[in-house]
N, C-alpha and C. Protein backbone atom coordinates (compact mmCIF):
# COMPACT_ATOMS: atom_id res chain seq x y z
N UNK A 1 -34.09 -33.01 17.38
CA UNK A 1 -32.71 -32.96 16.83
C UNK A 1 -31.75 -32.98 17.94
N UNK A 2 -30.70 -33.83 17.81
CA UNK A 2 -29.82 -34.08 18.89
C UNK A 2 -28.36 -33.81 18.34
N UNK A 3 -27.54 -33.45 19.20
CA UNK A 3 -26.01 -33.27 18.81
C UNK A 3 -25.26 -34.21 19.69
N UNK A 4 -24.17 -34.65 19.00
CA UNK A 4 -23.32 -35.50 19.72
C UNK A 4 -22.34 -34.70 20.51
N UNK A 5 -22.12 -34.95 21.74
CA UNK A 5 -21.03 -34.21 22.48
C UNK A 5 -19.89 -35.13 22.72
N UNK A 6 -18.76 -34.64 22.27
CA UNK A 6 -17.52 -35.38 22.41
C UNK A 6 -16.76 -34.84 23.73
N UNK A 7 -16.58 -35.85 24.57
CA UNK A 7 -15.72 -35.44 25.76
C UNK A 7 -14.40 -36.14 25.71
N UNK A 8 -13.36 -35.41 26.10
CA UNK A 8 -11.95 -35.85 26.08
C UNK A 8 -11.19 -35.09 25.14
N UNK A 9 -9.89 -35.49 24.99
CA UNK A 9 -8.99 -34.60 24.16
C UNK A 9 -9.38 -34.82 22.66
N UNK A 10 -9.27 -33.76 21.93
CA UNK A 10 -9.46 -33.80 20.46
C UNK A 10 -8.33 -34.46 19.83
N UNK A 11 -8.61 -35.08 18.75
CA UNK A 11 -7.53 -35.80 17.98
C UNK A 11 -6.86 -34.75 16.96
N UNK A 12 -5.71 -34.83 16.69
CA UNK A 12 -4.99 -34.00 15.85
C UNK A 12 -5.42 -34.29 14.39
N UNK A 13 -5.65 -33.29 13.61
CA UNK A 13 -6.03 -33.58 12.20
C UNK A 13 -4.75 -34.09 11.57
N UNK A 14 -4.84 -34.98 10.59
CA UNK A 14 -3.69 -35.49 9.94
C UNK A 14 -3.08 -34.43 9.06
N UNK A 15 -1.80 -34.27 9.09
CA UNK A 15 -1.13 -33.24 8.32
C UNK A 15 -0.71 -33.84 7.00
N UNK A 16 -1.04 -33.04 5.95
CA UNK A 16 -0.57 -33.53 4.59
C UNK A 16 0.56 -32.62 4.09
N UNK A 17 1.60 -33.22 3.87
CA UNK A 17 2.81 -32.30 3.29
C UNK A 17 2.38 -31.77 1.99
N UNK A 18 2.61 -30.36 1.80
CA UNK A 18 2.27 -29.74 0.57
C UNK A 18 3.24 -30.43 -0.59
N UNK A 19 2.65 -30.50 -1.69
CA UNK A 19 3.40 -31.04 -2.83
C UNK A 19 4.46 -30.01 -3.28
N UNK A 20 5.54 -30.48 -3.72
CA UNK A 20 6.57 -29.57 -4.17
C UNK A 20 6.13 -28.87 -5.45
N UNK A 21 6.33 -27.58 -5.51
CA UNK A 21 5.79 -26.81 -6.66
C UNK A 21 6.84 -27.08 -7.85
N UNK A 22 6.16 -27.20 -9.10
CA UNK A 22 6.99 -27.40 -10.26
C UNK A 22 7.78 -26.03 -10.53
N UNK A 23 8.73 -26.11 -11.37
CA UNK A 23 9.62 -24.96 -11.65
C UNK A 23 8.81 -23.84 -12.26
N UNK A 24 7.69 -24.14 -13.09
CA UNK A 24 6.92 -23.14 -13.71
C UNK A 24 6.06 -22.39 -12.58
N UNK A 25 5.60 -23.09 -11.63
CA UNK A 25 4.77 -22.50 -10.55
C UNK A 25 5.67 -21.61 -9.74
N UNK A 26 6.88 -22.20 -9.49
CA UNK A 26 7.88 -21.36 -8.61
C UNK A 26 8.15 -20.02 -9.47
N UNK A 27 8.37 -20.17 -10.72
CA UNK A 27 8.59 -18.98 -11.52
C UNK A 27 7.44 -17.98 -11.56
N UNK A 28 6.24 -18.54 -11.63
CA UNK A 28 5.06 -17.61 -11.56
C UNK A 28 4.92 -17.04 -10.20
N UNK A 29 5.26 -17.73 -9.17
CA UNK A 29 5.19 -17.08 -7.77
C UNK A 29 6.16 -16.00 -7.70
N UNK A 30 7.42 -16.26 -8.11
CA UNK A 30 8.45 -15.21 -8.06
C UNK A 30 8.05 -13.98 -8.83
N UNK A 31 7.56 -14.18 -10.11
CA UNK A 31 6.99 -13.07 -10.99
C UNK A 31 5.94 -12.42 -10.28
N UNK A 32 5.03 -12.96 -9.71
CA UNK A 32 3.96 -12.30 -9.01
C UNK A 32 4.34 -11.45 -7.86
N UNK A 33 5.30 -12.04 -7.06
CA UNK A 33 6.02 -11.25 -6.02
C UNK A 33 6.71 -10.01 -6.51
N UNK A 34 7.49 -10.21 -7.72
CA UNK A 34 8.17 -9.11 -8.21
C UNK A 34 7.34 -7.93 -8.64
N UNK A 35 6.21 -8.40 -9.33
CA UNK A 35 5.25 -7.43 -9.89
C UNK A 35 4.60 -6.60 -8.79
N UNK A 36 4.27 -7.24 -7.63
CA UNK A 36 3.69 -6.49 -6.52
C UNK A 36 4.77 -5.54 -5.94
N UNK A 37 6.02 -6.05 -5.87
CA UNK A 37 7.10 -5.31 -5.16
C UNK A 37 7.36 -4.01 -6.11
N UNK A 38 7.39 -4.20 -7.40
CA UNK A 38 7.60 -3.19 -8.36
C UNK A 38 6.46 -2.14 -8.39
N UNK A 39 5.28 -2.60 -8.25
CA UNK A 39 4.15 -1.68 -8.12
C UNK A 39 4.16 -0.90 -6.94
N UNK A 40 4.43 -1.45 -5.72
CA UNK A 40 4.60 -0.83 -4.50
C UNK A 40 5.72 0.38 -4.53
N UNK A 41 6.77 -0.15 -5.07
CA UNK A 41 7.98 0.82 -5.22
C UNK A 41 7.59 1.90 -6.12
N UNK A 42 6.92 1.65 -7.17
CA UNK A 42 6.51 2.73 -8.08
C UNK A 42 5.69 3.76 -7.45
N UNK A 43 4.69 3.26 -6.69
CA UNK A 43 3.81 4.27 -5.83
C UNK A 43 4.47 5.04 -4.85
N UNK A 44 5.67 4.60 -4.42
CA UNK A 44 6.48 5.39 -3.45
C UNK A 44 7.40 6.18 -4.16
N UNK A 45 8.21 5.62 -5.27
CA UNK A 45 9.31 6.48 -5.80
C UNK A 45 8.78 7.56 -6.79
N UNK A 46 7.71 7.34 -7.49
CA UNK A 46 7.35 8.31 -8.33
C UNK A 46 7.06 9.71 -7.83
N UNK A 47 6.22 9.71 -6.73
CA UNK A 47 6.00 10.96 -6.06
C UNK A 47 7.26 11.59 -5.48
N UNK A 48 8.17 10.79 -4.96
CA UNK A 48 9.42 11.27 -4.52
C UNK A 48 10.13 11.89 -5.57
N UNK A 49 10.28 11.32 -6.72
CA UNK A 49 11.06 11.77 -7.81
C UNK A 49 10.30 13.07 -8.42
N UNK A 50 9.05 13.18 -8.46
CA UNK A 50 8.40 14.45 -8.90
C UNK A 50 8.69 15.54 -7.98
N UNK A 51 8.42 15.29 -6.68
CA UNK A 51 8.64 16.36 -5.72
C UNK A 51 10.22 16.76 -5.62
N UNK A 52 10.98 15.78 -5.74
CA UNK A 52 12.39 16.15 -5.69
C UNK A 52 12.84 16.99 -6.94
N UNK A 53 12.28 16.53 -8.03
CA UNK A 53 12.64 17.41 -9.23
C UNK A 53 12.12 18.76 -9.08
N UNK A 54 10.95 18.97 -8.49
CA UNK A 54 10.44 20.31 -8.35
C UNK A 54 11.37 21.16 -7.39
N UNK A 55 11.76 20.50 -6.37
CA UNK A 55 12.74 21.13 -5.33
C UNK A 55 13.98 21.46 -6.06
N UNK A 56 14.52 20.55 -6.92
CA UNK A 56 15.79 20.76 -7.55
C UNK A 56 15.70 21.98 -8.50
N UNK A 57 14.55 22.02 -9.25
CA UNK A 57 14.31 23.19 -10.12
C UNK A 57 14.23 24.48 -9.41
N UNK A 58 13.44 24.41 -8.28
CA UNK A 58 13.38 25.66 -7.46
C UNK A 58 14.71 26.08 -6.91
N UNK A 59 15.53 25.19 -6.46
CA UNK A 59 16.87 25.47 -5.98
C UNK A 59 17.84 26.06 -7.05
N UNK A 60 17.69 25.50 -8.29
CA UNK A 60 18.55 25.92 -9.36
C UNK A 60 18.13 27.36 -9.84
N UNK A 61 16.84 27.64 -9.86
CA UNK A 61 16.30 29.00 -10.21
C UNK A 61 16.63 29.94 -9.09
N UNK A 62 16.61 29.54 -7.88
CA UNK A 62 16.97 30.43 -6.77
C UNK A 62 18.43 30.81 -6.82
N UNK A 63 19.33 29.77 -7.28
CA UNK A 63 20.74 30.12 -7.37
C UNK A 63 20.96 31.05 -8.52
N UNK A 64 20.15 30.91 -9.44
CA UNK A 64 20.33 31.90 -10.66
C UNK A 64 19.77 33.30 -10.27
N UNK A 65 18.86 33.38 -9.31
CA UNK A 65 18.32 34.60 -8.87
C UNK A 65 16.93 34.85 -9.50
N UNK A 66 16.15 33.88 -9.79
CA UNK A 66 14.85 33.98 -10.40
C UNK A 66 13.90 33.01 -9.72
N UNK A 67 12.69 33.04 -10.18
CA UNK A 67 11.77 31.98 -9.63
C UNK A 67 10.72 31.67 -10.71
N UNK A 68 9.88 30.61 -10.49
CA UNK A 68 8.93 30.14 -11.45
C UNK A 68 8.01 31.33 -11.63
N UNK A 69 7.52 32.09 -10.71
CA UNK A 69 6.51 33.07 -10.81
C UNK A 69 7.14 34.28 -11.80
N UNK A 70 8.43 34.50 -11.51
CA UNK A 70 9.03 35.54 -12.35
C UNK A 70 9.08 35.14 -13.77
N UNK A 71 9.41 33.93 -14.07
CA UNK A 71 9.45 33.42 -15.47
C UNK A 71 8.04 33.34 -15.99
N UNK A 72 6.96 32.92 -15.32
CA UNK A 72 5.64 33.02 -15.79
C UNK A 72 5.14 34.41 -16.09
N UNK A 73 5.46 35.35 -15.23
CA UNK A 73 5.17 36.80 -15.42
C UNK A 73 5.85 37.34 -16.72
N UNK A 74 7.15 36.94 -16.98
CA UNK A 74 7.78 37.38 -18.23
C UNK A 74 7.09 36.72 -19.28
N UNK A 75 6.76 35.41 -19.36
CA UNK A 75 6.12 34.76 -20.43
C UNK A 75 4.75 35.35 -20.76
N UNK A 76 3.98 35.80 -19.73
CA UNK A 76 2.72 36.40 -19.94
C UNK A 76 2.92 37.75 -20.62
N UNK A 77 3.93 38.51 -20.17
CA UNK A 77 4.22 39.78 -20.74
C UNK A 77 4.57 39.75 -22.12
N UNK A 78 5.35 38.81 -22.59
CA UNK A 78 5.75 38.55 -23.94
C UNK A 78 4.60 38.16 -24.84
N UNK A 79 3.71 37.26 -24.30
CA UNK A 79 2.51 36.87 -25.10
C UNK A 79 1.55 37.99 -25.30
N UNK A 80 1.44 38.88 -24.21
CA UNK A 80 0.48 39.98 -24.40
C UNK A 80 0.88 41.02 -25.38
N UNK A 81 2.24 41.09 -25.50
CA UNK A 81 2.83 42.08 -26.49
C UNK A 81 2.89 41.62 -27.89
N UNK A 82 2.48 40.38 -28.13
CA UNK A 82 2.60 39.87 -29.52
C UNK A 82 1.42 40.28 -30.31
C-alpha cells in the first residue's frame, strides 16, 4: 500500500457562497434565537424574582415588627386550640 506525497503549496479549496435564506428560514432562525434567549432569561430571572419576593416580604414583616416564624407559631397555636 502506497500513499501519494504532495510537495509544494496546497491549493485553496473553492469557496461556495452560501445561498440566501428565504424569508421563512430567516423567520425560523429569528424565532429559534428568541426562544433560546427567553429560556436563558427565564432561568436567570425566575430565581431572582423568587428570592427578591422573599426578601421583600421579610422586609415588610420586619417593618411591621413581626417575622415568618412568629406568624407560623401563631398559626400553630390557633390550630392546636381548635
